PDB file of N, CA and C in Angstrom:
ATOM      1  N   UNK A   1      -8.585   6.944   6.747  1.00  0.00           N
ATOM      2  CA  UNK A   1      -9.664   5.371   5.788  1.00  0.00           C
ATOM      3  C   UNK A   1      -9.654   4.486   6.029  1.00  0.00           C
ATOM      4  N   UNK A   2     -10.388   3.652   4.952  1.00  0.00           N
ATOM      5  CA  UNK A   2     -10.287   1.911   5.705  1.00  0.00           C
ATOM      6  C   UNK A   2      -9.364   1.356   5.788  1.00  0.00           C
ATOM      7  N   UNK A   3      -8.049   1.765   5.187  1.00  0.00           N
ATOM      8  CA  UNK A   3      -6.545   1.205   5.342  1.00  0.00           C
ATOM      9  C   UNK A   3      -6.348   1.631   7.267  1.00  0.00           C
ATOM     10  N   UNK A   4      -6.274   2.690   7.709  1.00  0.00           N
ATOM     11  CA  UNK A   4      -5.899   2.909   8.933  1.00  0.00           C
ATOM     12  C   UNK A   4      -7.514   2.440   9.754  1.00  0.00           C
ATOM     13  N   UNK A   5      -8.064   2.166   9.758  1.00  0.00           N
ATOM     14  CA  UNK A   5      -9.199   1.109  10.180  1.00  0.00           C
ATOM     15  C   UNK A   5      -8.696   0.067  10.755  1.00  0.00           C
ATOM     16  N   UNK A   6      -8.818  -0.338   9.815  1.00  0.00           N
ATOM     17  CA  UNK A   6      -8.474  -2.426   9.404  1.00  0.00           C
ATOM     18  C   UNK A   6      -6.620  -1.467  10.406  1.00  0.00           C
ATOM     19  N   UNK A   7      -5.755  -1.261  10.271  1.00  0.00           N
ATOM     20  CA  UNK A   7      -4.253  -0.806  10.899  1.00  0.00           C
ATOM     21  C   UNK A   7      -4.834  -1.197  12.164  1.00  0.00           C
ATOM     22  N   UNK A   8      -5.826  -0.185  12.391  1.00  0.00           N
ATOM     23  CA  UNK A   8      -5.993  -0.335  14.137  1.00  0.00           C
ATOM     24  C   UNK A   8      -6.473  -1.520  14.740  1.00  0.00           C
ATOM     25  N   UNK A   9      -7.406  -1.942  14.099  1.00  0.00           N
ATOM     26  CA  UNK A   9      -7.778  -3.422  14.593  1.00  0.00           C
ATOM     27  C   UNK A   9      -6.677  -4.658  14.815  1.00  0.00           C
ATOM     28  N   UNK A  10      -6.291  -5.066  13.669  1.00  0.00           N
ATOM     29  CA  UNK A  10      -4.711  -5.727  13.459  1.00  0.00           C
ATOM     30  C   UNK A  10      -3.970  -5.367  14.342  1.00  0.00           C
ATOM     31  N   UNK A  11      -3.322  -3.963  15.483  1.00  0.00           N
ATOM     32  CA  UNK A  11      -2.377  -3.782  15.236  1.00  0.00           C
ATOM     33  C   UNK A  11      -2.522  -4.302  17.139  1.00  0.00           C
ATOM     34  N   UNK A  12      -3.708  -3.740  17.491  1.00  0.00           N
ATOM     35  CA  UNK A  12      -4.496  -4.310  18.949  1.00  0.00           C
ATOM     36  C   UNK A  12      -4.635  -6.295  18.890  1.00  0.00           C
ATOM     37  N   UNK A  13      -5.080  -6.489  18.088  1.00  0.00           N
ATOM     38  CA  UNK A  13      -5.066  -7.970  18.598  1.00  0.00           C
ATOM     39  C   UNK A  13      -3.572  -8.151  18.090  1.00  0.00           C
ATOM     40  N   UNK A  14      -2.700  -8.182  16.942  1.00  0.00           N
ATOM     41  CA  UNK A  14      -1.494  -8.510  16.508  1.00  0.00           C
ATOM     42  C   UNK A  14      -0.846  -7.864  15.949  1.00  0.00           C
ATOM     43  N   UNK A  15       0.371  -7.017  16.773  1.00  0.00           N
ATOM     44  CA  UNK A  15       1.043  -6.181  16.622  1.00  0.00           C
ATOM     45  C   UNK A  15       1.947  -6.601  15.608  1.00  0.00           C
ATOM     46  N   UNK A  16       2.223  -5.936  14.409  1.00  0.00           N
ATOM     47  CA  UNK A  16       3.814  -6.230  13.257  1.00  0.00           C
ATOM     48  C   UNK A  16       3.143  -5.005  12.856  1.00  0.00           C
ATOM     49  N   UNK A  17       4.440  -4.897  11.818  1.00  0.00           N
ATOM     50  CA  UNK A  17       5.822  -3.889  11.046  1.00  0.00           C
ATOM     51  C   UNK A  17       3.898  -3.619   9.881  1.00  0.00           C
ATOM     52  N   UNK A  18       3.693  -2.745   9.646  1.00  0.00           N
ATOM     53  CA  UNK A  18       2.494  -2.344   8.729  1.00  0.00           C
ATOM     54  C   UNK A  18       2.933  -1.493   7.832  1.00  0.00           C
ATOM     55  N   UNK A  19       2.559  -0.966   6.681  1.00  0.00           N
ATOM     56  CA  UNK A  19       2.645  -0.194   5.571  1.00  0.00           C
ATOM     57  C   UNK A  19       1.546   0.022   5.241  1.00  0.00           C
ATOM     58  N   UNK A  20       0.878   0.682   5.463  1.00  0.00           N
ATOM     59  CA  UNK A  20      -1.013   1.321   4.323  1.00  0.00           C
ATOM     60  C   UNK A  20      -0.304   1.667   2.980  1.00  0.00           C
ATOM     61  N   UNK A  21      -1.006   1.325   1.892  1.00  0.00           N
ATOM     62  CA  UNK A  21      -0.907   1.115   0.476  1.00  0.00           C
ATOM     63  C   UNK A  21      -2.322   1.801  -0.023  1.00  0.00           C
ATOM     64  N   UNK A  22      -1.953   2.693  -0.557  1.00  0.00           N
ATOM     65  CA  UNK A  22      -3.557   3.346  -1.041  1.00  0.00           C
ATOM     66  C   UNK A  22      -3.142   4.696  -2.394  1.00  0.00           C
ATOM     67  N   UNK A  23      -4.480   5.386  -2.366  1.00  0.00           N
ATOM     68  CA  UNK A  23      -4.278   5.916  -3.011  1.00  0.00           C
ATOM     69  C   UNK A  23      -4.033   7.739  -2.444  1.00  0.00           C
ATOM     70  N   UNK A  24      -3.014   8.598  -1.986  1.00  0.00           N
ATOM     71  CA  UNK A  24      -2.789   9.291  -1.420  1.00  0.00           C
ATOM     72  C   UNK A  24      -3.870  10.200  -1.838  1.00  0.00           C
ATOM     73  N   UNK A  25      -4.309  11.433  -1.218  1.00  0.00           N
ATOM     74  CA  UNK A  25      -5.725  11.873  -1.018  1.00  0.00           C
ATOM     75  C   UNK A  25      -4.600  13.589  -1.904  1.00  0.00           C
ATOM     76  N   UNK A  26      -5.212  13.189  -3.369  1.00  0.00           N
ATOM     77  CA  UNK A  26      -4.790  14.006  -4.251  1.00  0.00           C
ATOM     78  C   UNK A  26      -5.738  13.940  -5.486  1.00  0.00           C
ATOM     79  N   UNK A  27      -5.425  14.243  -6.288  1.00  0.00           N
ATOM     80  CA  UNK A  27      -6.243  14.527  -7.560  1.00  0.00           C
ATOM     81  C   UNK A  27      -4.982  13.805  -7.985  1.00  0.00           C
ATOM     82  N   UNK A  28      -5.892  12.616  -8.790  1.00  0.00           N
ATOM     83  CA  UNK A  28      -5.220  11.651  -9.812  1.00  0.00           C
ATOM     84  C   UNK A  28      -5.013  12.138 -10.816  1.00  0.00           C
ATOM     85  N   UNK A  29      -4.023  11.897 -11.626  1.00  0.00           N
ATOM     86  CA  UNK A  29      -3.590  11.997 -13.461  1.00  0.00           C
ATOM     87  C   UNK A  29      -4.710  11.465 -13.551  1.00  0.00           C
ATOM     88  N   UNK A  30      -5.169  11.375 -15.020  1.00  0.00           N
ATOM     89  CA  UNK A  30      -6.021  10.602 -15.873  1.00  0.00           C
ATOM     90  C   UNK A  30      -5.290   9.745 -17.132  1.00  0.00           C
ATOM     91  N   UNK A  31      -5.555   8.377 -16.997  1.00  0.00           N
ATOM     92  CA  UNK A  31      -5.430   7.459 -17.329  1.00  0.00           C
ATOM     93  C   UNK A  31      -5.636   6.290 -17.194  1.00  0.00           C
ATOM     94  N   UNK A  32      -5.544   5.539 -17.501  1.00  0.00           N
ATOM     95  CA  UNK A  32      -6.076   3.785 -17.675  1.00  0.00           C
ATOM     96  C   UNK A  32      -6.212   3.151 -16.014  1.00  0.00           C
ATOM     97  N   UNK A  33      -7.193   2.104 -15.749  1.00  0.00           N
ATOM     98  CA  UNK A  33      -6.872   1.507 -14.557  1.00  0.00           C
ATOM     99  C   UNK A  33      -5.486   0.940 -14.287  1.00  0.00           C
ATOM    100  N   UNK A  34      -5.467   0.208 -15.239  1.00  0.00           N
ATOM    101  CA  UNK A  34      -3.783  -0.347 -15.175  1.00  0.00           C
ATOM    102  C   UNK A  34      -2.959   0.964 -14.941  1.00  0.00           C
ATOM    103  N   UNK A  35      -3.054   2.066 -15.657  1.00  0.00           N
ATOM    104  CA  UNK A  35      -2.233   2.903 -15.183  1.00  0.00           C
ATOM    105  C   UNK A  35      -1.709   3.427 -14.315  1.00  0.00           C
ATOM    106  N   UNK A  36      -2.835   3.641 -13.548  1.00  0.00           N
ATOM    107  CA  UNK A  36      -3.189   4.203 -12.433  1.00  0.00           C
ATOM    108  C   UNK A  36      -2.501   3.432 -11.651  1.00  0.00           C
ATOM    109  N   UNK A  37      -2.793   2.224 -11.254  1.00  0.00           N
ATOM    110  CA  UNK A  37      -2.513   1.321 -10.689  1.00  0.00           C
ATOM    111  C   UNK A  37      -1.225   1.329 -10.597  1.00  0.00           C
ATOM    112  N   UNK A  38       0.116   1.418 -11.538  1.00  0.00           N
ATOM    113  CA  UNK A  38       0.785   1.298 -11.596  1.00  0.00           C
ATOM    114  C   UNK A  38       1.403   2.633 -10.796  1.00  0.00           C
ATOM    115  N   UNK A  39       1.155   3.960 -11.750  1.00  0.00           N
ATOM    116  CA  UNK A  39       1.663   4.910 -11.212  1.00  0.00           C
ATOM    117  C   UNK A  39       1.704   5.271  -9.595  1.00  0.00           C
ATOM    118  N   UNK A  40       0.583   4.652  -8.812  1.00  0.00           N
ATOM    119  CA  UNK A  40       0.331   4.318  -7.218  1.00  0.00           C
ATOM    120  C   UNK A  40       0.815   3.672  -6.619  1.00  0.00           C
ATOM    121  N   UNK A  41       1.586   2.462  -7.750  1.00  0.00           N
ATOM    122  CA  UNK A  41       2.432   1.506  -6.974  1.00  0.00           C
ATOM    123  C   UNK A  41       1.463   0.201  -6.460  1.00  0.00           C
ATOM    124  N   UNK A  42       0.401  -0.088  -6.803  1.00  0.00           N
ATOM    125  CA  UNK A  42      -0.800  -0.281  -6.755  1.00  0.00           C
ATOM    126  C   UNK A  42      -0.770  -1.881  -7.261  1.00  0.00           C
ATOM    127  N   UNK A  43       0.578  -2.008  -8.203  1.00  0.00           N
ATOM    128  CA  UNK A  43       0.400  -3.824  -9.178  1.00  0.00           C
ATOM    129  C   UNK A  43       0.779  -4.661  -8.170  1.00  0.00           C
ATOM    130  N   UNK A  44       0.831  -5.841  -8.735  1.00  0.00           N
ATOM    131  CA  UNK A  44       1.526  -7.124  -8.168  1.00  0.00           C
ATOM    132  C   UNK A  44       3.076  -6.637  -7.504  1.00  0.00           C
ATOM    133  N   UNK A  45       3.524  -6.262  -8.386  1.00  0.00           N
ATOM    134  CA  UNK A  45       5.107  -5.697  -8.146  1.00  0.00           C
ATOM    135  C   UNK A  45       5.285  -4.984  -7.413  1.00  0.00           C
ATOM    136  N   UNK A  46       4.245  -3.376  -7.435  1.00  0.00           N
ATOM    137  CA  UNK A  46       4.340  -2.824  -5.809  1.00  0.00           C
ATOM    138  C   UNK A  46       4.095  -2.890  -4.876  1.00  0.00           C
ATOM    139  N   UNK A  47       3.491  -3.310  -4.683  1.00  0.00           N
ATOM    140  CA  UNK A  47       3.144  -4.780  -3.275  1.00  0.00           C
ATOM    141  C   UNK A  47       3.899  -5.306  -3.136  1.00  0.00           C
ATOM    142  N   UNK A  48       4.295  -6.229  -3.688  1.00  0.00           N
ATOM    143  CA  UNK A  48       5.789  -6.948  -2.916  1.00  0.00           C
ATOM    144  C   UNK A  48       6.677  -6.606  -3.011  1.00  0.00           C
ATOM    145  N   UNK A  49       6.894  -5.060  -3.503  1.00  0.00           N
ATOM    146  CA  UNK A  49       8.059  -4.327  -3.228  1.00  0.00           C
ATOM    147  C   UNK A  49       7.804  -3.537  -2.045  1.00  0.00           C
ATOM    148  N   UNK A  50       6.890  -3.546  -2.171  1.00  0.00           N
ATOM    149  CA  UNK A  50       6.476  -2.804  -0.491  1.00  0.00           C
ATOM    150  C   UNK A  50       6.758  -3.638   0.613  1.00  0.00           C
ATOM    151  N   UNK A  51       6.204  -4.485   0.325  1.00  0.00           N
ATOM    152  CA  UNK A  51       6.184  -5.870   1.622  1.00  0.00           C
ATOM    153  C   UNK A  51       7.958  -6.284   2.440  1.00  0.00           C
ATOM    154  N   UNK A  52       8.905  -5.946   0.638  1.00  0.00           N
ATOM    155  CA  UNK A  52      10.098  -6.341   0.570  1.00  0.00           C
ATOM    156  C   UNK A  52      10.931  -5.399   1.601  1.00  0.00           C
ATOM    157  N   UNK A  53      10.517  -3.727   1.406  1.00  0.00           N
ATOM    158  CA  UNK A  53      11.196  -3.117   1.910  1.00  0.00           C
ATOM    159  C   UNK A  53      10.501  -2.743   2.950  1.00  0.00           C
ATOM    160  N   UNK A  54       9.536  -3.322   3.626  1.00  0.00           N
ATOM    161  CA  UNK A  54       8.652  -3.378   5.190  1.00  0.00           C
ATOM    162  C   UNK A  54       9.706  -3.824   5.702  1.00  0.00           C
ATOM    163  N   UNK A  55       9.831  -5.301   5.110  1.00  0.00           N
ATOM    164  CA  UNK A  55      10.854  -6.285   6.453  1.00  0.00           C
ATOM    165  C   UNK A  55      12.315  -5.618   6.127  1.00  0.00           C
ATOM    166  N   UNK A  56      12.775  -4.556   5.469  1.00  0.00           N
ATOM    167  CA  UNK A  56      13.815  -4.559   5.066  1.00  0.00           C
ATOM    168  C   UNK A  56      14.985  -4.710   4.629  1.00  0.00           C
ATOM    169  N   UNK A  57      14.204  -5.349   3.160  1.00  0.00           N
ATOM    170  CA  UNK A  57      15.045  -5.924   2.454  1.00  0.00           C
ATOM    171  C   UNK A  57      14.999  -4.651   0.587  1.00  0.00           C
ATOM    172  N   UNK A  58      16.105  -5.006  -0.085  1.00  0.00           N
ATOM    173  CA  UNK A  58      15.481  -4.641  -1.358  1.00  0.00           C
ATOM    174  C   UNK A  58      15.302  -5.964  -2.003  1.00  0.00           C
ATOM    175  N   UNK A  59      14.542  -5.655  -3.435  1.00  0.00           N
ATOM    176  CA  UNK A  59      14.068  -6.165  -4.205  1.00  0.00           C
ATOM    177  C   UNK A  59      14.818  -6.619  -5.630  1.00  0.00           C
TER     178      UNK A  59
END
Protein backbone atom coordinates (compact mmCIF):
# COMPACT_ATOMS: atom_id res chain seq x y z
CA UNK A 1 0.00 0.00 0.00
CA UNK A 2 0.89 3.64 0.30
CA UNK A 3 2.78 3.14 3.57
CA UNK A 4 5.15 0.60 2.07
CA UNK A 5 5.75 2.78 -1.01
CA UNK A 6 6.68 5.77 1.17
CA UNK A 7 8.80 3.54 3.42
CA UNK A 8 10.74 2.23 0.43
CA UNK A 9 11.61 5.74 -0.75
CA UNK A 10 12.53 6.94 2.75
CA UNK A 11 14.71 3.95 3.62
CA UNK A 12 16.72 4.36 0.42
CA UNK A 13 17.51 8.02 1.06
CA UNK A 14 17.42 8.24 4.88
CA UNK A 15 17.61 4.87 6.66
CA UNK A 16 15.69 5.24 9.92
CA UNK A 17 13.64 2.93 12.13
CA UNK A 18 10.01 3.04 11.07
CA UNK A 19 6.68 1.41 11.65
CA UNK A 20 3.79 1.58 9.21
CA UNK A 21 0.51 2.48 10.87
CA UNK A 22 -2.81 1.96 9.16
CA UNK A 23 -5.89 -0.16 8.85
CA UNK A 24 -4.93 -3.80 8.31
CA UNK A 25 -6.39 -5.68 5.36
CA UNK A 26 -9.42 -6.91 7.29
CA UNK A 27 -13.09 -6.09 7.40
CA UNK A 28 -13.40 -3.26 9.90
CA UNK A 29 -16.13 -3.29 12.51
CA UNK A 30 -18.94 -0.79 12.18
CA UNK A 31 -18.62 2.44 14.14
CA UNK A 32 -18.11 6.16 13.96
CA UNK A 33 -14.96 7.54 12.37
CA UNK A 34 -13.52 8.52 15.76
CA UNK A 35 -14.26 5.06 17.20
CA UNK A 36 -12.59 3.34 14.24
CA UNK A 37 -9.50 5.55 14.53
CA UNK A 38 -9.28 4.64 18.21
CA UNK A 39 -9.88 0.93 17.48
CA UNK A 40 -6.97 0.81 15.03
CA UNK A 41 -4.68 3.00 17.16
CA UNK A 42 -4.72 5.91 14.72
CA UNK A 43 -5.47 8.66 17.22
CA UNK A 44 -2.84 11.21 18.23
CA UNK A 45 -2.17 9.18 21.39
CA UNK A 46 -1.97 5.91 19.45
CA UNK A 47 0.55 7.37 17.00
CA UNK A 48 2.56 8.87 19.88
CA UNK A 49 2.60 5.51 21.69
CA UNK A 50 3.75 3.73 18.51
CA UNK A 51 6.59 6.25 18.12
CA UNK A 52 7.70 5.70 21.72
CA UNK A 53 7.55 1.93 21.23
CA UNK A 54 9.65 2.24 18.08
CA UNK A 55 12.26 4.18 20.02
CA UNK A 56 12.27 1.47 22.68
CA UNK A 57 10.43 3.43 25.36
CA UNK A 58 7.02 2.79 26.82
CA UNK A 59 4.64 5.73 27.33
